[in-house]
Protein backbone atom coordinates (compact mmCIF):
# COMPACT_ATOMS: atom_id res chain seq x y z
CA MET A 1 72.06 143.36 146.83
CA ILE A 2 75.33 143.72 148.75
CA LEU A 3 78.12 145.64 147.06
CA LEU A 4 81.82 145.36 147.80
CA LYS A 5 82.00 149.01 148.86
CA ASP A 6 79.28 148.33 151.47
CA ILE A 7 81.42 145.75 153.29
CA LEU A 8 84.65 147.74 153.01
CA THR A 9 83.23 150.63 155.05
CA GLY A 10 85.46 151.35 158.02
CA LEU A 11 88.16 148.94 156.85
CA GLU A 12 91.59 150.45 156.25
CA THR A 13 92.89 149.37 152.86
CA VAL A 14 96.36 149.66 151.32
CA ARG A 15 95.28 149.58 147.69
CA ILE A 16 92.19 148.80 145.60
CA ALA A 17 92.38 147.76 141.96
CA GLY A 18 88.97 147.54 140.30
CA ASP A 19 85.36 148.62 140.77
CA THR A 20 84.09 148.46 144.37
CA ALA A 21 80.50 148.55 143.07
CA ALA A 22 80.89 144.82 142.31
CA GLU A 23 78.14 142.64 143.75
CA VAL A 24 79.14 140.23 146.56
CA LEU A 25 77.30 136.92 146.89
CA ALA A 26 79.51 135.19 149.46
CA LEU A 27 82.75 135.39 151.46
CA SER A 28 85.28 132.59 151.84
CA ILE A 29 88.75 131.94 153.24
CA ASP A 30 88.74 128.44 151.69
CA SER A 31 89.44 128.38 147.94
CA ARG A 32 87.65 125.01 147.67
CA LYS A 33 84.35 126.66 148.62
CA VAL A 34 84.61 129.55 146.16
CA GLN A 35 81.84 129.97 143.56
CA ALA A 36 80.88 132.75 141.16
CA GLY A 37 80.49 136.09 142.95
CA THR A 38 82.56 135.05 145.98
CA VAL A 39 85.05 137.31 147.75
CA PHE A 40 88.11 135.16 148.44
CA ILE A 41 90.12 136.39 151.43
CA ALA A 42 93.70 135.10 151.34
CA ILE A 43 94.92 134.57 154.90
CA ALA A 44 98.49 133.64 155.79
CA GLY A 45 97.69 130.96 158.38
CA THR A 46 99.97 129.00 160.69
CA SER A 47 100.23 126.04 158.30
CA VAL A 48 98.80 127.22 154.96
CA ASP A 49 99.15 130.57 153.16
CA GLY A 50 95.92 131.41 151.36
CA HIS A 51 97.83 133.61 148.92
CA GLN A 52 98.99 130.41 147.21
CA TYR A 53 95.38 129.68 146.22
CA ILE A 54 94.42 133.01 144.66
CA ASP A 55 94.64 131.67 141.09
CA LYS A 56 92.56 128.62 142.04
CA ALA A 57 89.91 130.85 143.64
CA ILE A 58 89.72 133.01 140.49
CA ALA A 59 89.41 129.90 138.32
CA GLN A 60 86.43 128.84 140.43
CA GLY A 61 84.66 132.17 140.00
CA ALA A 62 86.00 134.56 142.67
CA SER A 63 85.14 138.12 141.64
CA VAL A 64 87.09 139.83 144.43
CA ILE A 65 90.43 138.97 146.03
CA VAL A 66 91.36 140.37 149.42
CA CYS A 67 95.06 139.93 150.19
CA GLU A 68 98.06 141.27 152.07
CA LYS A 69 100.41 140.80 149.11
CA MET A 70 99.25 141.72 145.61
CA PRO A 71 99.87 138.96 143.04
CA ALA A 72 102.65 139.55 140.50
CA THR A 73 100.06 139.37 137.72
CA THR A 74 96.44 140.42 138.04
CA ASN A 75 93.23 139.57 136.21
CA ASP A 76 91.36 142.53 134.67
CA SER A 77 87.97 140.92 135.45
CA VAL A 78 88.77 140.63 139.17
CA VAL A 79 88.78 143.33 141.88
CA TYR A 80 91.80 143.27 144.20
CA VAL A 81 91.74 144.73 147.69
CA GLN A 82 95.07 144.90 149.51
CA VAL A 83 94.92 145.15 153.32
CA LYS A 84 97.43 145.05 156.15
CA ASP A 85 95.81 142.07 157.92
CA SER A 86 93.60 139.70 155.93
CA ALA A 87 92.40 137.82 159.03
CA TYR A 88 91.18 141.06 160.60
CA ALA A 89 89.62 142.12 157.30
CA ALA A 90 87.72 138.81 157.11
CA GLY A 91 86.01 139.52 160.44
CA LYS A 92 85.18 143.14 159.64
CA MET A 93 83.86 142.34 156.17
CA ALA A 94 81.84 139.38 157.42
CA ASP A 95 80.32 141.55 160.14
CA ALA A 96 79.07 143.97 157.50
CA PHE A 97 78.03 141.21 155.07
CA TYR A 98 75.82 139.50 157.67
CA GLY A 99 74.21 142.72 158.86
CA ASN A 100 76.29 143.58 161.94
CA PRO A 101 74.73 140.77 164.01
CA SER A 102 76.61 141.37 167.27
CA ALA A 103 75.20 144.91 167.34
CA ARG A 104 71.68 143.44 167.34
CA MET A 105 72.26 141.24 170.40
CA LYS A 106 74.21 141.26 173.66
CA VAL A 107 77.24 139.06 173.12
CA VAL A 108 79.30 137.94 176.13
CA GLY A 109 82.70 136.30 175.65
CA VAL A 110 84.25 133.96 178.21
CA THR A 111 87.98 133.23 178.07
CA GLY A 112 90.43 131.30 180.25
CA THR A 113 92.16 127.92 180.26
CA ASN A 114 89.49 126.01 182.16
CA GLY A 115 85.79 126.62 182.80
CA LYS A 116 84.81 128.28 179.51
CA THR A 117 82.44 125.54 178.38
CA THR A 118 80.74 125.10 181.75
CA THR A 119 80.34 128.86 182.23
CA THR A 120 78.89 129.56 178.78
CA THR A 121 76.63 126.50 178.89
CA LEU A 122 75.26 127.50 182.29
CA LEU A 123 74.66 131.04 181.03
CA TYR A 124 72.74 129.71 178.04
CA LYS A 125 70.62 127.43 180.25
CA LEU A 126 70.06 130.20 182.81
CA PHE A 127 68.90 132.82 180.32
CA LYS A 128 66.71 130.28 178.52
CA ALA A 129 65.07 129.49 181.86
CA LEU A 130 64.61 133.22 182.45
CA GLY A 131 62.58 133.37 179.25
CA TYR A 132 65.04 134.75 176.70
CA LYS A 133 65.94 133.52 173.24
CA CYS A 134 69.68 132.81 173.35
CA GLY A 135 72.63 131.64 171.34
CA LEU A 136 75.59 129.54 172.49
CA ILE A 137 78.98 129.12 170.82
CA SER A 138 81.01 126.49 172.68
CA THR A 139 83.49 123.66 172.36
CA VAL A 140 80.70 121.07 172.62
CA GLN A 141 77.69 122.56 170.82
CA ASN A 142 76.38 125.68 169.13
CA HIS A 143 72.78 126.63 169.88
CA ILE A 144 70.63 128.95 167.78
CA ASP A 145 67.92 129.23 170.39
CA GLU A 146 66.37 125.73 170.22
CA VAL A 147 68.42 124.51 167.23
CA VAL A 148 71.50 122.51 168.26
CA GLU A 149 74.55 122.02 166.05
CA LEU A 150 77.76 120.15 166.88
CA ALA A 151 80.79 122.41 167.20
CA THR A 152 84.02 121.82 165.26
CA HIS A 153 86.16 124.48 167.00
CA THR A 154 86.00 126.25 170.36
CA THR A 155 85.65 129.47 168.37
CA PRO A 156 84.89 129.12 164.62
CA ASP A 157 86.72 131.10 161.92
CA ALA A 158 85.85 134.80 161.52
CA ILE A 159 83.38 134.33 158.65
CA SER A 160 81.68 131.33 160.30
CA VAL A 161 81.35 133.26 163.58
CA GLN A 162 79.60 136.17 161.87
CA GLN A 163 77.37 133.87 159.82
CA LEU A 164 76.39 131.99 162.98
CA LEU A 165 75.71 135.24 164.83
CA GLY A 166 73.65 136.43 161.86
CA ARG A 167 71.47 133.33 162.09
CA MET A 168 71.07 133.90 165.83
CA ALA A 169 70.07 137.53 165.34
CA ASP A 170 67.61 136.57 162.60
CA ALA A 171 66.12 133.94 164.95
CA GLY A 172 65.39 136.65 167.51
CA CYS A 173 68.13 135.83 170.02
CA GLU A 174 68.68 138.57 172.57
CA TYR A 175 71.83 137.14 174.18
CA VAL A 176 74.76 135.11 172.91
CA PHE A 177 77.29 133.43 175.18
CA MET A 178 80.48 132.32 173.51
CA GLU A 179 83.76 130.70 174.42
CA VAL A 180 86.70 132.76 173.22
CA SER A 181 89.87 130.71 172.87
CA SER A 182 93.38 132.15 172.81
CA HIS A 183 93.78 130.81 169.27
CA ALA A 184 90.66 132.73 168.22
CA ILE A 185 91.95 135.99 169.70
CA HIS A 186 95.40 135.60 168.15
CA GLN A 187 94.03 134.61 164.73
CA GLN A 188 91.52 137.51 164.64
CA ARG A 189 88.51 135.17 164.57
CA ILE A 190 86.58 137.63 166.76
CA ALA A 191 87.43 140.68 164.63
CA GLY A 192 84.35 142.81 164.06
CA LEU A 193 82.45 141.50 167.10
CA ARG A 194 80.87 143.95 169.53
CA PHE A 195 80.98 142.48 173.02
CA ALA A 196 78.55 143.58 175.71
CA GLY A 197 80.93 142.03 178.22
CA ALA A 198 83.72 139.52 178.76
CA ALA A 199 84.75 137.28 181.63
CA PHE A 200 88.03 135.62 182.60
CA THR A 201 88.04 132.26 184.43
CA ASN A 202 91.70 131.34 185.01
CA ILE A 203 94.95 130.73 183.18
CA THR A 204 97.19 127.68 183.48
CA HIS A 205 99.70 125.65 181.46
CA ASP A 206 98.12 124.97 178.07
CA HIS A 207 98.58 125.68 174.35
CA LEU A 208 102.28 126.47 174.75
CA ASP A 209 102.87 124.46 171.59
CA TYR A 210 101.12 127.38 169.87
CA HIS A 211 101.93 130.43 172.00
CA LYS A 212 105.50 129.29 172.87
CA THR A 213 105.68 131.19 176.18
CA PHE A 214 103.31 131.61 179.11
CA ASP A 215 103.71 135.40 178.98
CA GLU A 216 102.56 135.40 175.35
CA TYR A 217 99.58 133.21 176.27
CA ILE A 218 98.58 135.72 178.98
CA ARG A 219 99.10 138.67 176.62
CA VAL A 220 96.80 137.15 174.01
CA LYS A 221 94.05 136.45 176.54
CA LYS A 222 94.33 140.03 177.76
CA GLN A 223 93.70 141.39 174.25
CA LEU A 224 90.01 140.49 174.58
CA PHE A 225 89.66 142.84 177.54
CA ASP A 226 91.89 145.55 176.06
CA SER A 227 89.56 145.75 173.06
CA LEU A 228 86.31 146.13 175.02
CA PRO A 229 84.46 149.44 174.65
CA ASP A 230 83.50 151.61 177.63
CA THR A 231 79.88 150.43 177.24
CA ALA A 232 80.85 146.85 178.09
CA PHE A 233 81.69 145.13 181.37
CA ALA A 234 84.86 143.17 182.21
CA LEU A 235 84.62 140.47 184.89
CA THR A 236 87.66 138.61 186.22
CA ASN A 237 88.58 135.95 188.76
CA ALA A 238 90.37 137.82 191.53
CA ASP A 239 91.68 134.57 193.01
CA ASP A 240 93.71 133.73 189.92
CA LYS A 241 97.26 135.15 190.07
CA ARG A 242 96.80 136.79 186.65
CA GLY A 243 93.15 137.70 187.11
CA MET A 244 93.52 141.39 187.86
CA VAL A 245 96.05 141.78 185.02
CA MET A 246 93.17 141.32 182.59
CA LEU A 247 91.58 144.56 183.81
CA GLN A 248 94.68 146.77 183.66
CA ASN A 249 94.08 148.47 180.32
CA THR A 250 90.42 147.89 179.61
CA LYS A 251 87.97 150.75 179.04
CA ALA A 252 85.12 148.52 180.21
CA ASP A 253 83.32 148.65 183.56
CA LYS A 254 85.59 146.57 185.85
CA HIS A 255 84.37 143.85 188.24
CA ALA A 256 85.71 140.72 189.92
CA TYR A 257 84.48 137.57 191.63
CA SER A 258 86.20 135.66 194.43
CA LEU A 259 85.90 132.97 197.09
CA LYS A 260 88.69 134.59 199.12
CA VAL A 261 88.62 138.39 199.07
CA PRO A 262 85.92 141.10 199.13
CA VAL A 263 85.06 142.05 195.53
CA THR A 264 81.91 142.83 193.54
CA PHE A 265 80.71 139.21 193.62
CA LYS A 266 81.82 137.35 196.77
CA GLY A 267 81.17 133.68 197.41
CA LYS A 268 81.97 131.21 200.16
CA VAL A 269 81.67 127.42 200.03
CA LEU A 270 79.76 126.12 203.06
CA GLU A 271 79.34 122.49 202.00
CA ASN A 272 81.04 120.54 199.23
CA ASN A 273 80.19 116.87 198.67
CA LEU A 274 79.32 114.39 195.93
CA THR A 275 75.70 115.54 195.94
CA GLY A 276 76.46 119.23 195.30
CA LEU A 277 77.53 122.59 196.72
CA VAL A 278 76.12 124.88 199.37
CA MET A 279 77.45 128.44 199.04
CA MET A 280 76.99 131.90 200.38
CA VAL A 281 76.70 134.22 197.37
CA ASP A 282 76.46 137.92 198.17
CA ASN A 283 75.23 137.00 201.69
CA HIS A 284 72.53 134.65 200.35
CA GLU A 285 72.73 130.90 200.98
CA ALA A 286 72.26 128.86 197.80
CA HIS A 287 72.28 125.13 197.04
CA PHE A 288 73.69 123.91 193.71
CA ARG A 289 73.66 120.52 192.00
CA MET A 290 77.21 120.95 190.75
CA ILE A 291 80.25 119.61 192.54
CA GLY A 292 83.66 120.97 193.48
CA THR A 293 85.44 124.24 194.19
CA PHE A 294 86.21 124.76 190.50
CA ASN A 295 82.47 124.73 189.84
CA ALA A 296 81.97 127.19 192.69
CA TYR A 297 84.08 129.59 190.63
CA ASN A 298 82.11 128.80 187.46
CA LEU A 299 78.83 129.43 189.26
CA LEU A 300 80.11 132.73 190.68
CA ALA A 301 81.17 133.85 187.21
CA VAL A 302 77.74 133.00 185.79
CA TYR A 303 76.02 134.80 188.65
CA GLY A 304 78.20 137.89 188.16
CA ILE A 305 77.61 138.03 184.41
CA ALA A 306 73.85 137.64 184.83
CA VAL A 307 73.69 140.44 187.41
CA LEU A 308 75.86 142.71 185.23
CA LEU A 309 73.38 142.06 182.41
CA GLY A 310 70.62 143.40 184.65
CA GLU A 311 69.02 140.23 186.02
CA ASP A 312 67.57 139.96 189.55
CA LYS A 313 70.04 138.39 192.00
CA MET A 314 67.57 136.14 193.81
CA GLN A 315 65.95 134.93 190.62
CA VAL A 316 69.36 134.10 189.16
CA LEU A 317 70.33 132.07 192.25
CA SER A 318 66.98 130.29 192.26
CA VAL A 319 67.33 129.14 188.64
CA LEU A 320 71.05 128.33 188.93
CA SER A 321 70.37 126.02 191.87
CA ASN A 322 68.56 123.58 189.57
CA LEU A 323 70.99 123.56 186.63
CA HIS A 324 73.58 120.98 185.62
CA GLY A 325 76.79 121.88 183.82
CA ALA A 326 78.10 120.95 180.39
CA THR A 327 78.33 117.43 178.99
CA GLY A 328 81.56 115.66 179.94
CA ARG A 329 82.43 118.12 182.69
CA PHE A 330 82.57 116.20 185.99
CA GLU A 331 79.73 114.03 184.66
CA THR A 332 78.88 111.18 187.03
CA LEU A 333 77.73 107.62 186.30
CA GLN A 334 77.16 104.79 188.77
CA SER A 335 77.23 101.01 188.45
CA ASP A 336 74.11 99.16 189.63
CA LYS A 337 76.29 96.55 191.24
CA ASP A 338 78.73 97.60 193.98
CA SER A 339 77.83 101.33 193.58
CA ILE A 340 81.08 102.20 191.83
CA LEU A 341 81.08 105.89 190.93
CA GLY A 342 82.40 106.85 187.52
CA ILE A 343 83.35 110.44 186.69
CA VAL A 344 84.02 111.59 183.11
CA ASP A 345 85.81 114.91 182.79
CA TYR A 346 87.46 116.89 179.99
CA ALA A 347 90.51 117.65 182.20
CA HIS A 348 93.36 117.61 179.68
CA THR A 349 95.82 119.99 181.34
CA PRO A 350 97.83 119.41 184.53
CA ASP A 351 95.98 122.13 186.42
CA ALA A 352 92.54 120.91 185.34
CA LEU A 353 93.46 117.34 186.34
CA ILE A 354 94.75 118.53 189.73
CA ASN A 355 91.49 120.43 190.30
CA VAL A 356 89.32 117.42 189.51
CA LEU A 357 91.44 115.01 191.57
CA ALA A 358 91.61 117.47 194.49
CA THR A 359 87.83 117.75 194.43
CA ILE A 360 87.37 113.98 194.45
CA ASN A 361 89.95 113.51 197.22
CA GLN A 362 88.27 116.20 199.28
CA LEU A 363 84.88 114.52 198.93
CA ARG A 364 85.63 110.78 199.02
CA THR A 365 85.28 108.83 202.24
CA LYS A 366 88.00 106.85 203.95
CA GLY A 367 88.40 103.50 202.27
CA GLN A 368 87.17 104.63 198.85
CA GLN A 369 89.84 103.88 196.27
CA LEU A 370 90.39 106.38 193.44
CA ILE A 371 91.45 104.98 190.06
CA THR A 372 92.35 107.47 187.32
CA VAL A 373 92.43 106.71 183.60
CA VAL A 374 94.34 109.38 181.68
CA GLY A 375 96.18 110.03 178.43
CA CYS A 376 97.64 112.93 176.47
CA GLY A 377 96.74 114.10 172.97
CA GLY A 378 99.15 113.82 170.06
CA ASP A 379 100.43 116.79 168.03
CA ARG A 380 99.92 119.04 171.05
CA ASP A 381 102.01 120.49 173.91
CA SER A 382 104.30 117.58 174.80
CA ALA A 383 105.78 119.32 177.85
CA LYS A 384 102.68 118.53 179.90
CA ARG A 385 102.82 114.75 179.30
CA PRO A 386 105.16 113.77 182.17
CA ILE A 387 103.34 116.24 184.42
CA MET A 388 99.93 114.72 183.64
CA ALA A 389 101.20 111.23 184.53
CA GLU A 390 102.81 112.48 187.72
CA VAL A 391 99.64 114.30 188.79
CA ALA A 392 97.48 111.22 188.12
CA CYS A 393 99.77 108.95 190.16
CA GLU A 394 100.36 111.42 192.97
CA HIS A 395 96.67 112.10 193.61
CA SER A 396 95.18 108.65 192.89
CA ASP A 397 95.49 105.20 194.44
CA ARG A 398 95.96 103.70 190.97
CA ALA A 399 96.57 105.33 187.60
CA ILE A 400 96.11 103.78 184.18
CA LEU A 401 98.02 105.57 181.43
CA THR A 402 96.38 105.16 178.05
CA ALA A 403 95.82 106.75 174.65
CA ASP A 404 93.80 109.95 174.30
CA ASN A 405 93.66 111.28 170.72
CA PRO A 406 97.11 110.28 169.43
CA ARG A 407 96.34 111.97 166.08
CA SER A 408 99.41 111.55 163.85
CA GLU A 409 101.74 110.45 166.67
CA ASP A 410 102.57 106.93 167.84
CA PRO A 411 100.58 106.40 171.07
CA GLU A 412 103.42 104.31 172.51
CA SER A 413 105.78 107.26 172.16
CA ILE A 414 103.29 109.51 173.97
CA LEU A 415 103.02 106.99 176.81
CA ASN A 416 106.82 106.79 177.00
CA GLU A 417 106.94 110.56 177.51
CA MET A 418 104.22 110.33 180.17
CA GLU A 419 106.06 107.58 182.06
CA ALA A 420 109.25 109.62 182.01
CA GLY A 421 107.71 111.88 184.66
CA LEU A 422 107.19 109.10 187.20
CA SER A 423 109.31 108.21 190.18
CA ALA A 424 109.93 104.56 191.06
CA ALA A 425 107.19 104.74 193.71
CA GLN A 426 104.73 106.31 191.27
CA LYS A 427 105.47 103.67 188.64
CA ARG A 428 104.33 101.02 191.12
CA LYS A 429 100.91 102.72 191.20
CA ALA A 430 100.64 102.94 187.42
CA LEU A 431 99.48 100.60 184.69
CA ARG A 432 100.10 101.17 181.00
CA ILE A 433 97.29 100.05 178.70
CA THR A 434 97.43 101.69 175.27
CA ASP A 435 93.90 100.69 174.17
CA ARG A 436 91.59 103.21 175.85
CA ARG A 437 88.58 100.87 175.90
CA GLU A 438 90.64 98.17 177.63
CA ALA A 439 92.03 100.75 180.06
CA ILE A 440 88.52 101.78 181.15
CA LYS A 441 87.39 98.15 181.42
CA THR A 442 90.48 97.35 183.53
CA ALA A 443 89.74 100.27 185.86
CA CYS A 444 86.24 98.86 186.40
CA ALA A 445 87.63 95.37 187.06
CA LEU A 446 90.09 96.76 189.63
CA ALA A 447 87.43 98.80 191.44
CA GLN A 448 85.96 97.56 194.71
CA PRO A 449 82.43 98.43 195.93
CA GLU A 450 81.91 102.23 196.23
CA ASP A 451 85.30 103.05 194.67
CA ILE A 452 85.65 106.01 192.31
CA ILE A 453 86.91 105.88 188.72
CA LEU A 454 87.95 109.10 186.96
CA VAL A 455 88.19 108.93 183.18
CA ALA A 456 89.95 112.15 182.19
CA GLY A 457 90.90 114.00 179.05
CA LYS A 458 88.16 113.58 176.44
CA GLY A 459 84.96 114.53 178.25
CA HIS A 460 82.26 115.36 175.72
CA GLU A 461 84.16 114.02 172.69
CA THR A 462 82.51 111.20 170.80
CA TYR A 463 85.54 110.10 168.79
CA GLN A 464 89.15 109.01 169.09
CA GLU A 465 91.51 110.35 166.43
CA ILE A 466 94.19 107.86 165.34
CA LYS A 467 96.47 108.40 162.34
CA GLY A 468 94.23 111.21 161.11
CA VAL A 469 91.04 109.10 161.25
CA LYS A 470 88.26 109.79 163.76
CA HIS A 471 86.81 106.57 165.18
CA PRO A 472 83.57 106.56 167.24
CA PHE A 473 84.52 106.61 170.93
CA ASP A 474 82.66 108.06 173.89
CA ASP A 475 84.14 107.67 177.38
CA ARG A 476 80.65 107.78 178.89
CA GLU A 477 79.36 104.97 176.68
CA VAL A 478 82.44 102.82 177.22
CA LEU A 479 82.22 103.30 180.98
CA THR A 480 78.51 102.46 180.95
CA GLU A 481 79.21 99.27 178.95
CA ALA A 482 81.95 98.29 181.40
CA PHE A 483 79.57 98.83 184.33
CA LYS A 484 76.99 96.57 182.65
CA THR A 485 79.61 93.82 182.39
CA LEU A 486 80.21 94.14 186.12
CA ASN A 487 76.49 93.85 186.80
CA LYS A 488 76.19 90.43 185.15
């Protein structure tokens, strides 16, 4: 039996009205999921204020209400706990309710604009290959050792995170590797977690629709490192302009990785082609199946984290050399006829798109045409739309502008904003095809033998969201179908 007082330990409260010896059967931040014996935690979110649903939660059986503002009228049969920050309280209470799971495992958080999914996925695969039971919390999938579940958010809400970690701990996982988004940090979704270490990949233009300014975006990312204990490690990318900023105020053991300057984990790219990478890592030559300089950074980060967790350097390099990255991250497909190379990548920010295109341009041979299919999501940072179109046209021979996930917006309006960033010369290189399936098919029809087609923006996603409805759509499947048409 779990009592309310047991999960309030260590949590600063403003006021408590009622008996804290009340039994707790569940926690919820969603009034629709409340049943008898549930603690309902009212969170003032960005779009909905949970305080508006307190009466509904009580009507459905909530026995405890956690809130920042006490209701004008209270129910004598309900316990009320007033706190300064309900979102933070949700994480702390959930941590206690699920048995302090992050204290029973080594949890490593990875944050940054790009590379989080690849880095955490590689870590999961690496430590599984090294013989450990592991958990993974990522944009694409969550893994409870061998059990795979589709992810709905990069970082789930605070209660879901703790519940997931509890299941991982109960399954015997020793390590958990999780993506930590800026939204999750800002919204206290990682409150109550004990990190054994954290790593920073890079920071570029993204999520400014939420954070408003780049400085605020950086500040939020930095909070992860500021909150680390002195028993943890902090690893950063020294080649990123803001990389060393992440270490300024942390109590953790500080380390960095780099392809350019001498730091704890130094790498150098010796060969970079469409079959993989050859690198010097801490003076050892290693061959990797992954492609591109951006993946060289991801691999260095994984190597550094593994070594900081106590693994043998040579064994880590040996296993890493045989691993592939995450689904929809620079994933390659090839047509049987004409050997056209298709690349599907999640690049949905200007910097990520530049990195992918720069990698392809560095590796393609003279005469190989590069055709890029790209769109921009609706209800998201609109400032990047003209930049995305400009980048696609500037670094490709042809660019096809199309729909991504328009969500509630008109896709034609999104494409208008993308086209606004193009010069007259760039417009001559661009086609506008709103239907994404037709855009991919057109790219295949335009391609000559051995050309390269990049389909950017959606990566691992298996849907396209239009007017609030998710329709089945997988760039990899559509590209494969288009290749089959060419083969006939």
